[in-house]
Amino acid sequence: MSELNNIQKIYFVGIGGIGMSALARYFKSKNCAVSGYDKTSTPLTQALEKEGIDIHYNENVGIIPKEVDVVVYTPAIPKEHAELVYYQQHGYKVVKRSDVLQWITESSFNVCVGGTHGKTTVTSMIAHILRHTGFGCNAFLGGIAANYNTNFWSSEKNVAVVEADEYDRSFLKLVPDIAVVTAMDPDHLDIYGTPEEVEKAFIQFSQRVKPNGCLVSKYGLKRGDELKAAHHYTYSFENRKADVHAADIRVENGSYVFDVINRDWVLQNVVLHMGGLHNIENVTAAITVAKHIGIEDEKIKAAVEAFKGVKRRFEYIVKNEEHVLIDDYAHHPEELRALITGVRSIFSDKKITVVFQPHLYSRTNDLATEFAHSLSLADEVILLPIYPARELPMEGVNSEMVASRMSLSRAQILGKDELKDWVRDNRPELLVMAGAGDIDALVQPMKEILLEASGEDDE
């Protein structure tokens, strides 16, 4: 906390990132002078500007603030970025986002949620439950919580709910009182090298839990028996061997109703309005945390029923009798499998068309076969070109790698403009947009096309 007490002026290089913007909002809530750079203006950076944060969009050493206490950067920023280099070469305190999260969590009660997928939703669910029930928390989310339209909120309660990012081993700087591990699948192999190194990092993350702390992990994880803490609960969708599992799952009026069962307690008739069977499992993890903390059953149930989800996590954009449009951040094969399976569980009678934008050349190269298997669960698939993010192109790595390995005959690769024309001509009844790149910029045009086809206006 002493590090934080000395910060009055702070600058963010890459302020528009979902994790960086949450930290920027945190320091703004502490009445610090907050400013930053990002490459492009987005709805998120525009929201930050409206909140009083000064942001510029051209890489320009001439206009950056020279009187700042700390400069924060994200690993997504190139090492040769002019502003970052200037601060590093002129004696400023320059730290990663993970360092700042370490400072924050060193002096609070922390719930830290890690996993190669599912962590944003589980983090948001836990933070929402704590806020809705009046328990209170500071929330640092990797997505925009639909209930509050933000990825950060503050509380007088010295409790932090933090999304623990495994990229660049950032989460190994956190100090959890309660840790959650949702998945340990191979990802970020450009950082870790092998799946075994990914698993090793999550084992190390579990070892960061404080003495007498709690670990909540998904049942059946490979090497899951090596995850240890003073209190350890496993959770599952429906596997009764887990410490906590869901049961008697049914769909009522487009929502899930189910029981959550532990050997010592049962939470009956939990109502979840968020789609996707995997989200029943996610909320089971969140409920396990809430029960461990000691929140009352009826308050937990009321909070879950009030949960509106996370932007770009199984988010309904259009839902009428003729068309359904779902937007999702899924960018890993397991996330895609869960997404498509979840869509099928609710819309069993509809033809599912998935538009997927692969994210990163390295991930596509490492997991092309797995992507192909997951996407083949759809009825029709359209692949966009790979979104490079922080990477340069890799020779021979493209969306065709995935398409050629699919068992589905109805798969094609289209550019963004071609996609708009295709949707306008074909008017798919159930369209799923998936990916972590800039595919979200296509969601509004798709919405307008489908609403026009339904004879509705986009209000």
Protein backbone atom coordinates (compact mmCIF):
# COMPACT_ATOMS: atom_id res chain seq x y z
CA MET A 1 0.00 0.00 0.00
CA SER A 2 2.95 2.35 0.62
CA GLU A 3 3.66 2.29 -3.14
CA LEU A 4 0.08 3.40 -3.82
CA ASN A 5 0.14 6.18 -1.24
CA ASN A 6 2.90 7.98 -3.16
CA ILE A 7 1.01 8.11 -6.46
CA GLN A 8 -0.69 11.37 -7.37
CA LYS A 9 -0.02 11.46 -11.11
CA ILE A 10 -0.03 8.31 -13.23
CA TYR A 11 0.31 7.64 -16.97
CA PHE A 12 -0.83 4.53 -18.87
CA VAL A 13 0.76 3.38 -22.14
CA GLY A 14 -2.07 1.35 -23.68
CA ILE A 15 -4.82 2.79 -21.50
CA GLY A 16 -7.60 1.39 -23.69
CA GLY A 17 -6.90 -2.24 -22.81
CA ILE A 18 -9.59 -3.86 -20.70
CA GLY A 19 -7.25 -4.49 -17.76
CA MET A 20 -5.41 -1.17 -18.07
CA SER A 21 -8.64 0.83 -18.18
CA ALA A 22 -9.83 -0.80 -14.94
CA LEU A 23 -6.63 0.35 -13.23
CA ALA A 24 -7.01 3.84 -14.72
CA ARG A 25 -10.51 4.01 -13.25
CA TYR A 26 -9.18 2.79 -9.90
CA PHE A 27 -6.66 5.64 -9.69
CA LYS A 28 -9.26 8.14 -10.88
CA SER A 29 -11.48 6.98 -8.00
CA LYS A 30 -8.56 7.80 -5.67
CA ASN A 31 -8.49 11.37 -7.05
CA CYS A 32 -5.19 10.88 -8.88
CA ALA A 33 -4.38 12.75 -12.10
CA VAL A 34 -4.74 10.01 -14.73
CA SER A 35 -3.74 10.23 -18.40
CA GLY A 36 -2.63 7.87 -21.12
CA TYR A 37 -2.00 6.84 -24.70
CA ASP A 38 -3.71 4.34 -26.92
CA LYS A 39 -3.47 3.52 -30.60
CA THR A 40 -7.12 4.07 -31.46
CA SER A 41 -10.20 5.69 -30.03
CA THR A 42 -12.79 3.12 -28.92
CA PRO A 43 -16.06 3.23 -26.96
CA LEU A 44 -14.01 2.31 -23.87
CA THR A 45 -11.44 5.10 -24.28
CA GLN A 46 -14.26 7.54 -25.04
CA ALA A 47 -15.93 6.51 -21.78
CA LEU A 48 -12.66 7.11 -19.93
CA GLU A 49 -12.40 10.57 -21.44
CA LYS A 50 -15.92 11.40 -20.31
CA GLU A 51 -14.84 10.36 -16.80
CA GLY A 52 -12.12 13.03 -16.87
CA ILE A 53 -9.11 11.02 -18.07
CA ASP A 54 -6.90 12.71 -20.67
CA ILE A 55 -6.05 10.40 -23.59
CA HIS A 56 -4.17 10.97 -26.85
CA TYR A 57 -3.92 8.64 -29.83
CA ASN A 58 -0.67 9.56 -31.58
CA GLU A 59 2.65 8.17 -30.37
CA ASN A 60 4.27 11.49 -29.50
CA VAL A 61 6.94 12.08 -26.87
CA GLY A 62 6.42 15.83 -27.26
CA ILE A 63 2.96 15.78 -25.65
CA ILE A 64 3.32 13.17 -22.91
CA PRO A 65 3.26 14.45 -19.30
CA LYS A 66 6.75 14.84 -17.85
CA GLU A 67 5.65 15.14 -14.22
CA VAL A 68 4.28 11.69 -13.34
CA ASP A 69 4.94 9.45 -10.35
CA VAL A 70 4.42 6.14 -12.15
CA VAL A 71 4.15 4.96 -15.76
CA VAL A 72 2.18 1.74 -16.34
CA TYR A 73 2.39 -0.31 -19.51
CA THR A 74 0.89 -3.50 -20.82
CA PRO A 75 2.89 -6.35 -22.43
CA ALA A 76 0.80 -5.77 -25.57
CA ILE A 77 2.77 -2.53 -26.16
CA PRO A 78 5.84 -3.03 -28.42
CA LYS A 79 9.18 -2.70 -26.60
CA GLU A 80 10.27 0.00 -29.05
CA HIS A 81 7.21 2.21 -28.42
CA ALA A 82 8.59 5.76 -28.37
CA GLU A 83 6.75 6.92 -25.25
CA LEU A 84 7.65 3.78 -23.28
CA VAL A 85 11.30 4.07 -24.31
CA TYR A 86 11.39 7.75 -23.30
CA TYR A 87 10.09 7.05 -19.81
CA GLN A 88 12.45 4.09 -19.38
CA GLN A 89 15.50 6.09 -20.48
CA HIS A 90 14.74 9.17 -18.37
CA GLY A 91 14.58 7.60 -14.93
CA TYR A 92 10.83 7.31 -14.45
CA LYS A 93 9.26 4.53 -12.38
CA VAL A 94 7.96 2.28 -15.19
CA VAL A 95 5.99 -0.84 -14.19
CA LYS A 96 3.72 -3.45 -15.71
CA ARG A 97 0.00 -3.60 -15.02
CA SER A 98 0.63 -6.74 -12.97
CA ASP A 99 2.98 -4.83 -10.64
CA VAL A 100 0.21 -2.36 -9.82
CA LEU A 101 -2.26 -5.18 -9.13
CA GLN A 102 0.35 -6.68 -6.81
CA TRP A 103 0.55 -3.41 -4.85
CA ILE A 104 -3.24 -3.29 -4.57
CA THR A 105 -3.64 -6.91 -3.46
CA GLU A 106 -0.81 -6.83 -0.91
CA SER A 107 -3.00 -4.94 1.54
CA SER A 108 -6.54 -6.23 0.96
CA PHE A 109 -8.69 -9.38 1.16
CA ASN A 110 -8.55 -10.76 -2.38
CA VAL A 111 -10.54 -13.08 -4.58
CA CYS A 112 -8.35 -13.77 -7.63
CA VAL A 113 -9.82 -15.68 -10.57
CA GLY A 114 -7.50 -17.39 -13.06
CA GLY A 115 -8.00 -19.76 -15.97
CA THR A 116 -7.25 -20.00 -19.67
CA HIS A 117 -10.95 -19.41 -20.28
CA GLY A 118 -14.00 -18.57 -18.22
CA LYS A 119 -12.19 -16.23 -15.85
CA THR A 120 -13.83 -12.98 -16.99
CA THR A 121 -17.34 -14.33 -16.50
CA VAL A 122 -16.56 -15.94 -13.13
CA THR A 123 -14.78 -12.79 -11.90
CA SER A 124 -17.75 -10.67 -12.94
CA MET A 125 -20.23 -13.06 -11.32
CA ILE A 126 -18.34 -13.07 -8.00
CA ALA A 127 -17.90 -9.29 -7.99
CA HIS A 128 -21.59 -8.81 -8.84
CA ILE A 129 -22.71 -11.17 -6.07
CA LEU A 130 -20.54 -9.34 -3.53
CA ARG A 131 -21.84 -5.97 -4.68
CA HIS A 132 -25.52 -6.95 -5.02
CA THR A 133 -25.64 -8.64 -1.60
CA GLY A 134 -24.08 -5.64 0.12
CA PHE A 135 -20.89 -7.48 1.06
CA GLY A 136 -18.93 -4.96 -1.02
CA CYS A 137 -15.75 -5.15 -3.10
CA ASN A 138 -13.42 -3.32 -5.42
CA ALA A 139 -13.72 -5.04 -8.80
CA PHE A 140 -11.05 -5.32 -11.51
CA LEU A 141 -12.69 -7.11 -14.42
CA GLY A 142 -11.49 -8.26 -17.83
CA GLY A 143 -14.83 -7.39 -19.41
CA ILE A 144 -17.69 -4.92 -19.12
CA ALA A 145 -20.28 -6.08 -16.56
CA ALA A 146 -23.67 -5.50 -18.19
CA ASN A 147 -25.34 -4.63 -14.87
CA TYR A 148 -23.06 -1.65 -14.31
CA ASN A 149 -21.61 -0.97 -17.79
CA THR A 150 -18.07 -0.87 -16.42
CA ASN A 151 -15.04 -3.08 -15.76
CA PHE A 152 -14.24 -1.43 -12.41
CA TRP A 153 -16.02 -0.25 -9.31
CA SER A 154 -14.79 0.86 -5.92
CA SER A 155 -15.97 0.16 -2.41
CA GLU A 156 -15.05 1.28 1.09
CA LYS A 157 -14.73 -2.43 1.92
CA ASN A 158 -11.08 -3.48 1.71
CA VAL A 159 -11.92 -6.41 -0.55
CA ALA A 160 -10.70 -6.85 -4.13
CA VAL A 161 -12.07 -9.18 -6.79
CA VAL A 162 -9.39 -9.44 -9.47
CA GLU A 163 -9.20 -11.18 -12.83
CA ALA A 164 -5.86 -13.02 -12.67
CA ASP A 165 -4.25 -12.94 -16.11
CA GLU A 166 -1.92 -15.82 -16.95
CA TYR A 167 -0.41 -14.03 -19.96
CA ASP A 168 3.22 -13.15 -19.25
CA ARG A 169 2.81 -14.99 -15.89
CA SER A 170 1.24 -11.80 -14.51
CA PHE A 171 -0.99 -13.66 -12.03
CA LEU A 172 2.01 -14.96 -10.09
CA LYS A 173 2.38 -11.50 -8.54
CA LEU A 174 -1.03 -11.61 -6.87
CA VAL A 175 -1.69 -12.61 -3.25
CA PRO A 176 -5.11 -14.34 -3.08
CA ASP A 177 -7.11 -15.09 0.04
CA ILE A 178 -9.41 -17.01 -2.30
CA ALA A 179 -8.18 -18.24 -5.68
CA VAL A 180 -10.31 -19.72 -8.46
CA VAL A 181 -8.91 -21.83 -11.32
CA THR A 182 -11.40 -22.36 -14.15
CA ALA A 183 -9.17 -24.05 -16.74
CA MET A 184 -5.55 -24.97 -17.45
CA ASP A 185 -5.71 -25.66 -21.19
CA PRO A 186 -2.78 -24.88 -23.50
CA ASP A 187 -2.71 -21.19 -24.44
CA HIS A 188 -0.15 -18.40 -24.79
CA LEU A 189 2.41 -20.97 -25.93
CA ASP A 190 4.40 -18.05 -27.37
CA ILE A 191 5.11 -17.26 -23.70
CA TYR A 192 5.10 -20.70 -22.06
CA GLY A 193 6.46 -22.93 -24.80
CA THR A 194 4.63 -26.11 -23.77
CA PRO A 195 1.26 -27.09 -22.24
CA GLU A 196 3.18 -28.47 -19.25
CA GLU A 197 4.59 -25.01 -18.50
CA VAL A 198 1.06 -23.56 -18.58
CA GLU A 199 -0.07 -26.16 -16.04
CA LYS A 200 3.01 -25.49 -13.89
CA ALA A 201 2.17 -21.78 -13.76
CA PHE A 202 -1.36 -22.50 -12.48
CA ILE A 203 0.06 -24.81 -9.81
CA GLN A 204 2.35 -21.93 -8.79
CA PHE A 205 -0.69 -19.61 -8.77
CA SER A 206 -2.47 -21.93 -6.32
CA GLN A 207 0.63 -21.81 -4.12
CA ARG A 208 0.21 -18.04 -3.88
CA VAL A 209 -2.95 -18.50 -1.78
CA LYS A 210 -2.42 -17.18 1.75
CA PRO A 211 -2.17 -19.59 4.72
CA ASN A 212 -5.66 -20.76 5.72
CA GLY A 213 -6.86 -19.46 2.35
CA CYS A 214 -9.30 -21.07 -0.07
CA LEU A 215 -8.95 -22.55 -3.55
CA VAL A 216 -11.90 -23.25 -5.85
CA SER A 217 -10.95 -25.25 -8.94
CA LYS A 218 -12.82 -26.95 -11.75
CA TYR A 219 -13.17 -30.69 -11.18
CA GLY A 220 -11.19 -32.93 -13.51
CA LEU A 221 -8.40 -30.54 -14.45
CA LYS A 222 -5.26 -32.25 -15.68
CA ARG A 223 -2.82 -32.06 -12.72
CA GLY A 224 -5.70 -30.67 -10.67
CA ASP A 225 -4.60 -32.83 -7.75
CA GLU A 226 -1.43 -30.68 -7.57
CA LEU A 227 -3.51 -27.58 -6.82
CA LYS A 228 -3.53 -27.21 -3.06
CA ALA A 229 -4.75 -24.83 -0.35
CA ALA A 230 -5.94 -25.03 3.26
CA HIS A 231 -9.54 -25.11 2.00
CA HIS A 232 -10.03 -26.63 -1.47
CA TYR A 233 -13.36 -27.09 -3.24
CA THR A 234 -13.79 -28.55 -6.71
CA TYR A 235 -16.80 -27.60 -8.81
CA SER A 236 -18.44 -29.07 -11.88
CA PHE A 237 -21.34 -28.65 -14.26
CA GLU A 238 -23.01 -31.92 -13.29
CA ASN A 239 -20.31 -34.34 -12.09
CA ARG A 240 -21.36 -35.57 -8.67
CA LYS A 241 -17.76 -36.43 -7.74
CA ALA A 242 -17.01 -32.71 -7.46
CA ASP A 243 -17.44 -30.98 -4.10
CA VAL A 244 -20.04 -28.68 -5.67
CA HIS A 245 -22.14 -29.38 -8.74
CA ALA A 246 -25.33 -28.30 -10.50
CA ALA A 247 -28.32 -30.62 -10.74
CA ASP A 248 -31.93 -30.77 -12.00
CA ILE A 249 -31.13 -28.30 -14.79
CA ARG A 250 -34.06 -27.11 -16.87
CA VAL A 251 -34.85 -24.29 -19.27
CA GLU A 252 -37.80 -22.08 -18.32
CA ASN A 253 -38.73 -19.06 -20.45
CA GLY A 254 -35.29 -19.00 -22.06
CA SER A 255 -33.46 -19.03 -18.70
CA TYR A 256 -31.79 -21.81 -16.72
CA VAL A 257 -33.21 -23.01 -13.41
CA PHE A 258 -31.16 -25.50 -11.37
CA ASP A 259 -29.94 -26.57 -7.94
CA VAL A 260 -26.38 -26.20 -6.65
CA ILE A 261 -25.38 -29.10 -4.39
CA ASN A 262 -22.58 -29.49 -1.85
CA ARG A 263 -22.30 -32.29 0.69
CA ASP A 264 -23.08 -29.74 3.44
CA TRP A 265 -25.62 -27.49 1.70
CA VAL A 266 -28.06 -27.20 -1.21
CA LEU A 267 -29.11 -24.03 -3.01
CA GLN A 268 -32.40 -24.81 -4.76
CA ASN A 269 -34.03 -23.22 -7.79
CA VAL A 270 -31.19 -20.90 -8.78
CA VAL A 271 -32.27 -18.78 -11.78
CA LEU A 272 -29.64 -17.70 -14.33
CA HIS A 273 -30.68 -15.49 -17.25
CA MET A 274 -27.30 -15.74 -19.00
CA GLY A 275 -27.21 -18.27 -21.86
CA GLY A 276 -24.71 -21.13 -22.28
CA LEU A 277 -24.55 -24.33 -20.24
CA HIS A 278 -20.94 -23.48 -19.38
CA ASN A 279 -22.26 -20.45 -17.52
CA ILE A 280 -24.15 -22.76 -15.13
CA GLU A 281 -20.73 -24.18 -14.29
CA ASN A 282 -19.24 -20.68 -14.02
CA VAL A 283 -21.91 -19.49 -11.61
CA THR A 284 -21.46 -22.69 -9.57
CA ALA A 285 -17.86 -21.56 -8.97
CA ALA A 286 -19.05 -18.06 -8.03
CA ILE A 287 -21.67 -19.45 -5.64
CA THR A 288 -19.02 -21.65 -4.01
CA VAL A 289 -16.93 -18.54 -3.29
CA ALA A 290 -19.96 -16.66 -1.92
CA LYS A 291 -20.87 -19.57 0.35
CA HIS A 292 -17.29 -19.82 1.64
CA ILE A 293 -17.34 -16.12 2.49
CA GLY A 294 -20.60 -16.67 4.39
CA ILE A 295 -23.18 -14.80 2.31
CA GLU A 296 -26.79 -15.83 2.97
CA ASP A 297 -28.50 -18.21 0.51
CA GLU A 298 -31.42 -15.98 -0.46
CA LYS A 299 -29.10 -13.03 -1.08
CA ILE A 300 -26.93 -15.19 -3.34
CA LYS A 301 -29.94 -16.42 -5.31
CA ALA A 302 -31.30 -12.89 -5.72
CA ALA A 303 -27.91 -11.68 -6.95
CA VAL A 304 -27.57 -14.51 -9.49
CA GLU A 305 -31.08 -13.91 -10.83
CA ALA A 306 -30.26 -10.20 -11.23
CA PHE A 307 -27.01 -10.89 -13.11
CA LYS A 308 -27.23 -9.59 -16.68
CA GLY A 309 -23.98 -11.06 -17.90
CA VAL A 310 -20.83 -9.61 -19.39
CA LYS A 311 -20.54 -7.69 -22.62
CA ARG A 312 -19.38 -10.02 -25.41
CA ARG A 313 -19.93 -13.13 -23.27
CA PHE A 314 -22.94 -14.93 -24.80
CA GLU A 315 -24.47 -11.48 -25.30
CA TYR A 316 -27.78 -11.32 -27.13
CA ILE A 317 -27.67 -8.52 -29.71
CA VAL A 318 -30.84 -9.54 -31.57
CA LYS A 319 -33.44 -11.95 -30.24
CA ASN A 320 -36.78 -12.05 -32.02
CA GLU A 321 -38.96 -14.67 -33.68
CA GLU A 322 -37.06 -14.52 -36.97
CA HIS A 323 -33.44 -13.89 -36.02
CA VAL A 324 -30.99 -14.36 -33.15
CA LEU A 325 -27.58 -12.65 -33.07
CA ILE A 326 -25.15 -13.59 -30.29
CA ASP A 327 -21.81 -11.87 -29.72
CA ASP A 328 -19.06 -13.68 -27.80
CA TYR A 329 -15.38 -13.14 -27.01
CA ALA A 330 -14.53 -16.84 -27.49
CA HIS A 331 -11.01 -17.14 -28.93
CA HIS A 332 -9.83 -20.54 -27.66
CA PRO A 333 -11.07 -23.93 -28.95
CA GLU A 334 -12.57 -24.87 -25.58
CA GLU A 335 -14.41 -21.54 -25.39
CA LEU A 336 -15.81 -22.09 -28.88
CA ARG A 337 -16.91 -25.62 -28.00
CA ALA A 338 -18.69 -24.35 -24.87
CA LEU A 339 -20.25 -21.47 -26.79
CA ILE A 340 -21.64 -23.56 -29.65
CA THR A 341 -22.83 -26.31 -27.27
CA GLY A 342 -24.51 -23.67 -25.12
CA VAL A 343 -26.27 -22.12 -28.11
CA ARG A 344 -27.45 -25.58 -29.17
CA SER A 345 -28.87 -26.25 -25.68
CA ILE A 346 -31.23 -23.28 -25.97
CA PHE A 347 -31.91 -23.20 -29.74
CA SER A 348 -31.99 -26.90 -30.63
CA ASP A 349 -34.30 -26.33 -33.57
CA LYS A 350 -32.30 -23.59 -35.31
CA LYS A 351 -29.46 -23.74 -37.83
CA ILE A 352 -26.36 -22.27 -36.19
CA THR A 353 -24.05 -20.11 -38.30
CA VAL A 354 -20.78 -19.11 -36.62
CA VAL A 355 -18.56 -16.27 -37.79
CA PHE A 356 -15.13 -16.67 -36.19
CA GLN A 357 -12.10 -14.39 -36.33
CA PRO A 358 -8.97 -16.25 -35.21
CA HIS A 359 -6.87 -14.24 -32.75
CA LEU A 360 -3.06 -14.38 -33.05
CA TYR A 361 -0.97 -16.27 -35.61
CA SER A 362 0.78 -18.23 -32.85
CA ARG A 363 -2.48 -19.45 -31.27
CA THR A 364 -3.90 -20.41 -34.67
CA ASN A 365 -0.72 -22.29 -35.54
CA ASP A 366 -0.63 -24.12 -32.19
CA LEU A 367 -4.34 -25.02 -32.04
CA ALA A 368 -5.59 -25.18 -35.64
CA THR A 369 -6.83 -28.77 -35.34
CA GLU A 370 -8.60 -28.06 -32.05
CA PHE A 371 -10.26 -24.96 -33.54
CA ALA A 372 -11.45 -27.06 -36.48
CA HIS A 373 -13.01 -29.69 -34.21
CA SER A 374 -14.87 -27.11 -32.10
CA LEU A 375 -16.15 -25.10 -35.06
CA SER A 376 -17.40 -28.29 -36.71
CA LEU A 377 -20.08 -28.43 -34.00
CA ALA A 378 -21.87 -25.59 -35.85
CA ASP A 379 -24.01 -26.04 -38.95
CA GLU A 380 -22.18 -23.43 -41.00
CA VAL A 381 -18.94 -21.53 -40.38
CA ILE A 382 -17.45 -18.38 -41.84
CA LEU A 383 -13.84 -17.62 -40.97
CA LEU A 384 -12.43 -14.11 -41.14
CA PRO A 385 -8.70 -13.51 -41.68
CA ILE A 386 -6.53 -13.83 -38.55
CA TYR A 387 -6.41 -10.81 -36.25
CA PRO A 388 -2.69 -10.29 -35.54
CA ALA A 389 -2.92 -8.20 -32.31
CA ARG A 390 0.67 -7.87 -31.08
CA GLU A 391 2.17 -10.29 -33.64
CA LEU A 392 3.76 -10.13 -37.05
CA PRO A 393 2.49 -12.59 -39.70
CA MET A 394 3.85 -16.16 -39.64
CA GLU A 395 4.56 -17.76 -43.00
CA GLY A 396 1.93 -20.31 -43.96
CA VAL A 397 -0.34 -19.53 -41.00
CA ASN A 398 -3.82 -18.35 -42.02
CA SER A 399 -7.50 -19.09 -41.57
CA GLU A 400 -7.30 -21.74 -44.31
CA MET A 401 -5.32 -23.87 -41.82
CA VAL A 402 -8.46 -24.15 -39.71
CA ALA A 403 -10.98 -24.44 -42.56
CA SER A 404 -9.05 -27.27 -44.24
CA ARG A 405 -9.19 -29.39 -41.09
CA MET A 406 -12.90 -29.02 -40.44
CA SER A 407 -15.29 -31.93 -40.94
CA LEU A 408 -17.96 -29.44 -41.98
CA SER A 409 -18.60 -28.95 -45.69
CA ARG A 410 -20.26 -25.57 -45.17
CA ALA A 411 -17.16 -23.58 -44.22
CA GLN A 412 -15.71 -20.60 -46.06
CA ILE A 413 -13.32 -17.69 -45.58
CA LEU A 414 -14.61 -14.17 -46.21
CA GLY A 415 -13.35 -10.63 -45.75
CA LYS A 416 -15.33 -8.20 -43.64
CA ASP A 417 -17.15 -6.54 -46.54
CA GLU A 418 -17.86 -9.92 -48.11
CA LEU A 419 -19.35 -11.04 -44.80
CA LYS A 420 -21.78 -8.12 -44.76
CA ASP A 421 -22.92 -8.99 -48.28
CA TRP A 422 -23.27 -12.67 -47.35
CA VAL A 423 -25.42 -11.93 -44.29
CA ARG A 424 -27.55 -9.51 -46.30
CA ASP A 425 -28.13 -12.19 -48.97
CA ASN A 426 -28.59 -15.21 -46.67
CA ARG A 427 -30.23 -13.69 -43.57
CA PRO A 428 -29.17 -16.49 -41.18
CA GLU A 429 -31.73 -17.30 -38.50
CA LEU A 430 -29.11 -17.77 -35.76
CA LEU A 431 -25.81 -15.95 -36.18
CA VAL A 432 -22.97 -16.22 -33.64
CA MET A 433 -20.07 -13.74 -33.86
CA ALA A 434 -16.97 -14.98 -32.01
CA GLY A 435 -13.45 -13.71 -31.49
CA ALA A 436 -11.21 -11.45 -29.43
CA GLY A 437 -9.96 -9.17 -32.21
CA ASP A 438 -11.88 -6.37 -33.93
CA ILE A 439 -14.82 -8.56 -34.96
CA ASP A 440 -16.89 -6.63 -32.42
CA ALA A 441 -16.89 -3.69 -34.87
CA LEU A 442 -18.97 -5.86 -37.23
CA VAL A 443 -21.67 -6.63 -34.66
CA GLN A 444 -23.61 -3.39 -35.15
CA PRO A 445 -23.74 -3.76 -38.98
CA MET A 446 -24.91 -7.37 -38.56
CA LYS A 447 -27.58 -6.21 -36.13
CA GLU A 448 -28.85 -3.59 -38.58
CA ILE A 449 -28.98 -6.09 -41.45
CA LEU A 450 -30.92 -8.69 -39.43
CA LEU A 451 -33.34 -6.18 -37.92
CA GLU A 452 -34.02 -4.78 -41.37
CA ALA A 453 -34.71 -8.34 -42.56
CA SER A 454 -37.13 -8.75 -39.63
CA GLY A 455 -38.85 -5.46 -40.42
CA GLU A 456 -37.67 -3.89 -37.16
CA ASP A 457 -35.84 -0.66 -36.47
CA ASP A 458 -32.58 -0.47 -34.56
CA GLU A 459 -33.61 1.62 -31.60
